[in-house]
Structures are given as C-alpha cells and as structure tokens.
Amino acid sequence: MNIGEVSAASGVSAKMIRYYEQIGLLRAAARSPAGYRLYSATDVHDLSFIRRARDLGFTVEQIGELLELWRDRNRASADVRRIASQHLERLERKMAEIREMTDALKFLVNHCRGNHRPDCPIIEELARKSIEAEETRATSQLGRGFKKLE
C-alpha cells in the first residue's frame, strides 16, 4: 500500500505518518524501486493503534511504550495499567484546573453588567492578576540580587 492508501485505511494523515516514521514511533516503511514508501497491513494496525491512543490524549512517549507492550505477547497488563493510570491522573488534574478556570470566569461574567459603562470586573481581575505577576517577578529578581550580595 502507498501512503495515501494507508492514510485512508488508518485515519492518520500522510504528514503524520511521515512524522511518526521520523521519530521512530512507526517502523520505517519499505521502499519501492522508485523510492515510494510501501506499507503493510501491520503498519495500518500500528497507525490505527497510534491514532486511537492520540484520540485518548496519550503523549508520543506513552504511545511508544504502549506500542512496545502491544507487540509483546508476554507483556504484563500491570505495565499497561500503570501508563494508563498515570495518564488518567494527568487528565483528571487538567479537568480540575479547567473547572477552576470555568468557575472563576462564570463568576466574573455574572458580575459584569455588560452595559455602556467602562467598569468591568473581568478587566479589573485580569489587570489585578497581571500586576500581581509583575510584582512576583520583580520580587524574585530582587531576591536573586540580594543573594548575590551576601
């Protein structure tokens, strides 16, 4: 199969197929006498596996580990579970962060009158956070300066 056929069969774009090959996630394809990539049914299965893992948000590194485990018929499911559990924990942390951002933004939107007047709690909060960040950076830089003097 050529790269277009494999792309259609696996749901992975030709560009990503070449990228996965380049980083070693996918084995290098055989080449035709004219230099075109030639893929097998195994490559389609690997790419489908990669696509599904990416859809679940696994990192390229995690997908590499999972592919190795998938190919190893003597694998311990505990190894697969460990990778998936770590990923799940990361996703749950990210979801909690997004919930906090959503709650904060809902609060601000609900307290903004949205009228012709210039006062707006959304702008005030963004400006306050910006000033706090600048003060933190300045204090940090100042603290480093004092350490050099000691």
C-alpha atoms as a PDB file:
ATOM      1  CA  MET A   1       0.000   0.000   0.000  1.00  0.00           C
ATOM      2  CA  ASN A   2       1.145   3.528  -0.653  1.00  0.00           C
ATOM      3  CA  ILE A   3       0.975   6.350   1.897  1.00  0.00           C
ATOM      4  CA  GLY A   4      -2.387   7.636   0.615  1.00  0.00           C
ATOM      5  CA  GLU A   5      -3.997   4.211   0.947  1.00  0.00           C
ATOM      6  CA  VAL A   6      -2.565   3.697   4.425  1.00  0.00           C
ATOM      7  CA  SER A   7      -3.710   7.159   5.424  1.00  0.00           C
ATOM      8  CA  ALA A   8      -7.264   6.404   4.301  1.00  0.00           C
ATOM      9  CA  ALA A   9      -7.262   2.984   5.983  1.00  0.00           C
ATOM     10  CA  SER A  10      -5.861   4.189   9.308  1.00  0.00           C
ATOM     11  CA  GLY A  11      -7.332   7.673   9.576  1.00  0.00           C
ATOM     12  CA  VAL A  12      -3.848   9.182  10.024  1.00  0.00           C
ATOM     13  CA  SER A  13      -2.718  11.906   7.631  1.00  0.00           C
ATOM     14  CA  ALA A  14       0.246  11.297   5.338  1.00  0.00           C
ATOM     15  CA  LYS A  15       2.104  14.111   7.076  1.00  0.00           C
ATOM     16  CA  MET A  16       1.649  12.450  10.484  1.00  0.00           C
ATOM     17  CA  ILE A  17       2.615   9.049   9.076  1.00  0.00           C
ATOM     18  CA  ARG A  18       5.919  10.525   7.896  1.00  0.00           C
ATOM     19  CA  TYR A  19       6.357  12.247  11.272  1.00  0.00           C
ATOM     20  CA  TYR A  20       5.713   9.008  13.214  1.00  0.00           C
ATOM     21  CA  GLU A  21       8.261   7.286  10.994  1.00  0.00           C
ATOM     22  CA  GLN A  22      10.779  10.075  11.519  1.00  0.00           C
ATOM     23  CA  ILE A  23      10.554   9.915  15.332  1.00  0.00           C
ATOM     24  CA  GLY A  24      10.616   6.112  15.369  1.00  0.00           C
ATOM     25  CA  LEU A  25       7.066   5.545  16.559  1.00  0.00           C
ATOM     26  CA  LEU A  26       6.326   3.729  13.306  1.00  0.00           C
ATOM     27  CA  ARG A  27       8.834   1.391  11.730  1.00  0.00           C
ATOM     28  CA  ALA A  28      10.466   2.763   8.592  1.00  0.00           C
ATOM     29  CA  ALA A  29       8.460   1.778   5.542  1.00  0.00           C
ATOM     30  CA  ALA A  30       9.884  -0.376   2.814  1.00  0.00           C
ATOM     31  CA  ARG A  31      10.606   1.468  -0.428  1.00  0.00           C
ATOM     32  CA  SER A  32       9.616   0.730  -3.989  1.00  0.00           C
ATOM     33  CA  PRO A  33      12.312   0.786  -6.697  1.00  0.00           C
ATOM     34  CA  ALA A  34      11.147   4.355  -7.413  1.00  0.00           C
ATOM     35  CA  GLY A  35      11.650   5.313  -3.755  1.00  0.00           C
ATOM     36  CA  TYR A  36       7.986   5.448  -2.723  1.00  0.00           C
ATOM     37  CA  ARG A  37       7.035   4.251   0.738  1.00  0.00           C
ATOM     38  CA  LEU A  38       5.322   0.868   0.844  1.00  0.00           C
ATOM     39  CA  TYR A  39       3.229  -0.129   3.839  1.00  0.00           C
ATOM     40  CA  SER A  40       1.794  -3.391   5.096  1.00  0.00           C
ATOM     41  CA  ALA A  41      -1.376  -4.358   6.922  1.00  0.00           C
ATOM     42  CA  THR A  42       0.708  -4.380  10.134  1.00  0.00           C
ATOM     43  CA  ASP A  43       1.542  -0.731   9.541  1.00  0.00           C
ATOM     44  CA  VAL A  44      -2.166   0.052   9.186  1.00  0.00           C
ATOM     45  CA  HIS A  45      -2.844  -1.689  12.521  1.00  0.00           C
ATOM     46  CA  ASP A  46       0.015   0.197  14.200  1.00  0.00           C
ATOM     47  CA  LEU A  47      -1.222   3.523  12.820  1.00  0.00           C
ATOM     48  CA  SER A  48      -4.792   2.781  13.907  1.00  0.00           C
ATOM     49  CA  PHE A  49      -3.454   1.986  17.390  1.00  0.00           C
ATOM     50  CA  ILE A  50      -1.465   5.246  17.408  1.00  0.00           C
ATOM     51  CA  ARG A  51      -4.469   7.252  16.231  1.00  0.00           C
ATOM     52  CA  ARG A  52      -6.713   5.792  18.951  1.00  0.00           C
ATOM     53  CA  ALA A  53      -4.065   6.440  21.611  1.00  0.00           C
ATOM     54  CA  ARG A  54      -3.706  10.040  20.388  1.00  0.00           C
ATOM     55  CA  ASP A  55      -7.503  10.410  20.490  1.00  0.00           C
ATOM     56  CA  LEU A  56      -7.304   9.443  24.170  1.00  0.00           C
ATOM     57  CA  GLY A  57      -4.623  12.078  24.724  1.00  0.00           C
ATOM     58  CA  PHE A  58      -1.609   9.849  25.345  1.00  0.00           C
ATOM     59  CA  THR A  59       1.738  11.504  24.708  1.00  0.00           C
ATOM     60  CA  VAL A  60       4.034  10.300  21.944  1.00  0.00           C
ATOM     61  CA  GLU A  61       6.317   8.791  24.600  1.00  0.00           C
ATOM     62  CA  GLN A  62       3.432   6.930  26.222  1.00  0.00           C
ATOM     63  CA  ILE A  63       2.247   5.699  22.834  1.00  0.00           C
ATOM     64  CA  GLY A  64       5.737   4.356  22.158  1.00  0.00           C
ATOM     65  CA  GLU A  65       5.634   2.422  25.420  1.00  0.00           C
ATOM     66  CA  LEU A  66       2.117   1.158  24.717  1.00  0.00           C
ATOM     67  CA  LEU A  67       3.088   0.065  21.197  1.00  0.00           C
ATOM     68  CA  GLU A  68       6.011  -1.909  22.591  1.00  0.00           C
ATOM     69  CA  LEU A  69       3.719  -3.553  25.116  1.00  0.00           C
ATOM     70  CA  TRP A  70       1.082  -4.268  22.450  1.00  0.00           C
ATOM     71  CA  ARG A  71       3.685  -6.007  20.292  1.00  0.00           C
ATOM     72  CA  ASP A  72       4.994  -8.017  23.281  1.00  0.00           C
ATOM     73  CA  ARG A  73       2.692 -11.000  23.739  1.00  0.00           C
ATOM     74  CA  ASN A  74       4.407 -11.724  27.094  1.00  0.00           C
ATOM     75  CA  ARG A  75       3.636  -8.261  28.470  1.00  0.00           C
ATOM     76  CA  ALA A  76       2.311  -7.727  31.952  1.00  0.00           C
ATOM     77  CA  SER A  77      -1.015  -5.926  31.926  1.00  0.00           C
ATOM     78  CA  ALA A  78       0.218  -4.130  35.059  1.00  0.00           C
ATOM     79  CA  ASP A  79       2.645  -2.193  32.840  1.00  0.00           C
ATOM     80  CA  VAL A  80      -0.181  -1.097  30.544  1.00  0.00           C
ATOM     81  CA  ARG A  81      -2.348  -0.204  33.513  1.00  0.00           C
ATOM     82  CA  ARG A  82       0.455   1.891  35.049  1.00  0.00           C
ATOM     83  CA  ILE A  83       0.796   4.003  31.893  1.00  0.00           C
ATOM     84  CA  ALA A  84      -2.962   4.422  31.529  1.00  0.00           C
ATOM     85  CA  SER A  85      -3.405   5.249  35.229  1.00  0.00           C
ATOM     86  CA  GLN A  86      -0.709   7.922  35.102  1.00  0.00           C
ATOM     87  CA  HIS A  87      -2.353   9.422  32.046  1.00  0.00           C
ATOM     88  CA  LEU A  88      -5.767   9.314  33.706  1.00  0.00           C
ATOM     89  CA  GLU A  89      -4.389  11.156  36.749  1.00  0.00           C
ATOM     90  CA  ARG A  90      -2.912  13.836  34.462  1.00  0.00           C
ATOM     91  CA  LEU A  91      -6.253  14.238  32.666  1.00  0.00           C
ATOM     92  CA  GLU A  92      -8.139  14.494  35.956  1.00  0.00           C
ATOM     93  CA  ARG A  93      -5.730  17.209  37.189  1.00  0.00           C
ATOM     94  CA  LYS A  94      -6.209  19.084  33.931  1.00  0.00           C
ATOM     95  CA  MET A  95     -10.005  18.753  34.219  1.00  0.00           C
ATOM     96  CA  ALA A  96      -9.873  20.169  37.771  1.00  0.00           C
ATOM     97  CA  GLU A  97      -7.806  23.116  36.521  1.00  0.00           C
ATOM     98  CA  ILE A  98     -10.300  23.732  33.721  1.00  0.00           C
ATOM     99  CA  ARG A  99     -13.196  23.545  36.221  1.00  0.00           C
ATOM    100  CA  GLU A 100     -11.461  26.176  38.384  1.00  0.00           C
ATOM    101  CA  MET A 101     -10.950  28.438  35.358  1.00  0.00           C
ATOM    102  CA  THR A 102     -14.563  27.935  34.273  1.00  0.00           C
ATOM    103  CA  ASP A 103     -15.904  28.727  37.746  1.00  0.00           C
ATOM    104  CA  ALA A 104     -13.767  31.867  38.002  1.00  0.00           C
ATOM    105  CA  LEU A 105     -14.807  33.047  34.547  1.00  0.00           C
ATOM    106  CA  LYS A 106     -18.501  32.313  35.219  1.00  0.00           C
ATOM    107  CA  PHE A 107     -18.276  34.384  38.401  1.00  0.00           C
ATOM    108  CA  LEU A 108     -16.689  37.277  36.535  1.00  0.00           C
ATOM    109  CA  VAL A 109     -19.152  37.121  33.643  1.00  0.00           C
ATOM    110  CA  ASN A 110     -22.085  37.025  36.060  1.00  0.00           C
ATOM    111  CA  HIS A 111     -20.742  40.115  37.846  1.00  0.00           C
ATOM    112  CA  CYS A 112     -20.073  42.147  34.707  1.00  0.00           C
ATOM    113  CA  ARG A 113     -23.045  44.336  33.893  1.00  0.00           C
ATOM    114  CA  GLY A 114     -22.230  44.312  30.202  1.00  0.00           C
ATOM    115  CA  ASN A 115     -23.547  47.817  29.695  1.00  0.00           C
ATOM    116  CA  HIS A 116     -22.146  51.054  28.255  1.00  0.00           C
ATOM    117  CA  ARG A 117     -20.159  51.887  31.414  1.00  0.00           C
ATOM    118  CA  PRO A 118     -16.390  51.219  31.435  1.00  0.00           C
ATOM    119  CA  ASP A 119     -16.179  49.476  34.830  1.00  0.00           C
ATOM    120  CA  CYS A 120     -15.896  45.730  34.360  1.00  0.00           C
ATOM    121  CA  PRO A 121     -14.865  43.089  36.917  1.00  0.00           C
ATOM    122  CA  ILE A 122     -13.404  40.917  34.160  1.00  0.00           C
ATOM    123  CA  ILE A 123     -10.928  43.607  33.084  1.00  0.00           C
ATOM    124  CA  GLU A 124     -10.221  44.517  36.732  1.00  0.00           C
ATOM    125  CA  GLU A 125      -9.431  40.900  37.608  1.00  0.00           C
ATOM    126  CA  LEU A 126      -7.194  40.411  34.570  1.00  0.00           C
ATOM    127  CA  ALA A 127      -5.355  43.647  35.379  1.00  0.00           C
ATOM    128  CA  ARG A 128      -5.000  42.668  39.045  1.00  0.00           C
ATOM    129  CA  LYS A 129      -3.519  39.279  38.126  1.00  0.00           C
ATOM    130  CA  SER A 130      -1.189  40.964  35.658  1.00  0.00           C
ATOM    131  CA  ILE A 131       0.060  43.395  38.318  1.00  0.00           C
ATOM    132  CA  GLU A 132       0.496  40.557  40.834  1.00  0.00           C
ATOM    133  CA  ALA A 133       2.536  38.583  38.296  1.00  0.00           C
ATOM    134  CA  GLU A 134       4.764  41.590  37.613  1.00  0.00           C
ATOM    135  CA  GLU A 135       5.273  42.163  41.354  1.00  0.00           C
ATOM    136  CA  THR A 136       6.144  38.491  41.853  1.00  0.00           C
ATOM    137  CA  ARG A 137       8.704  38.620  39.023  1.00  0.00           C
ATOM    138  CA  ALA A 138      10.203  41.839  40.378  1.00  0.00           C
ATOM    139  CA  THR A 139      10.410  40.431  43.911  1.00  0.00           C
ATOM    140  CA  SER A 140      12.007  37.268  42.589  1.00  0.00           C
ATOM    141  CA  GLN A 141      14.607  39.233  40.627  1.00  0.00           C
ATOM    142  CA  LEU A 142      15.237  41.481  43.608  1.00  0.00           C
ATOM    143  CA  GLY A 143      15.684  38.408  45.839  1.00  0.00           C
ATOM    144  CA  ARG A 144      18.293  36.996  43.461  1.00  0.00           C
ATOM    145  CA  GLY A 145      20.133  40.297  43.599  1.00  0.00           C
ATOM    146  CA  PHE A 146      20.306  40.161  47.386  1.00  0.00           C
ATOM    147  CA  LYS A 147      21.636  36.632  47.313  1.00  0.00           C
ATOM    148  CA  LYS A 148      24.492  37.767  45.104  1.00  0.00           C
ATOM    149  CA  LEU A 149      25.425  40.455  47.641  1.00  0.00           C
ATOM    150  CA  GLU A 150      25.641  38.024  50.558  1.00  0.00           C
END
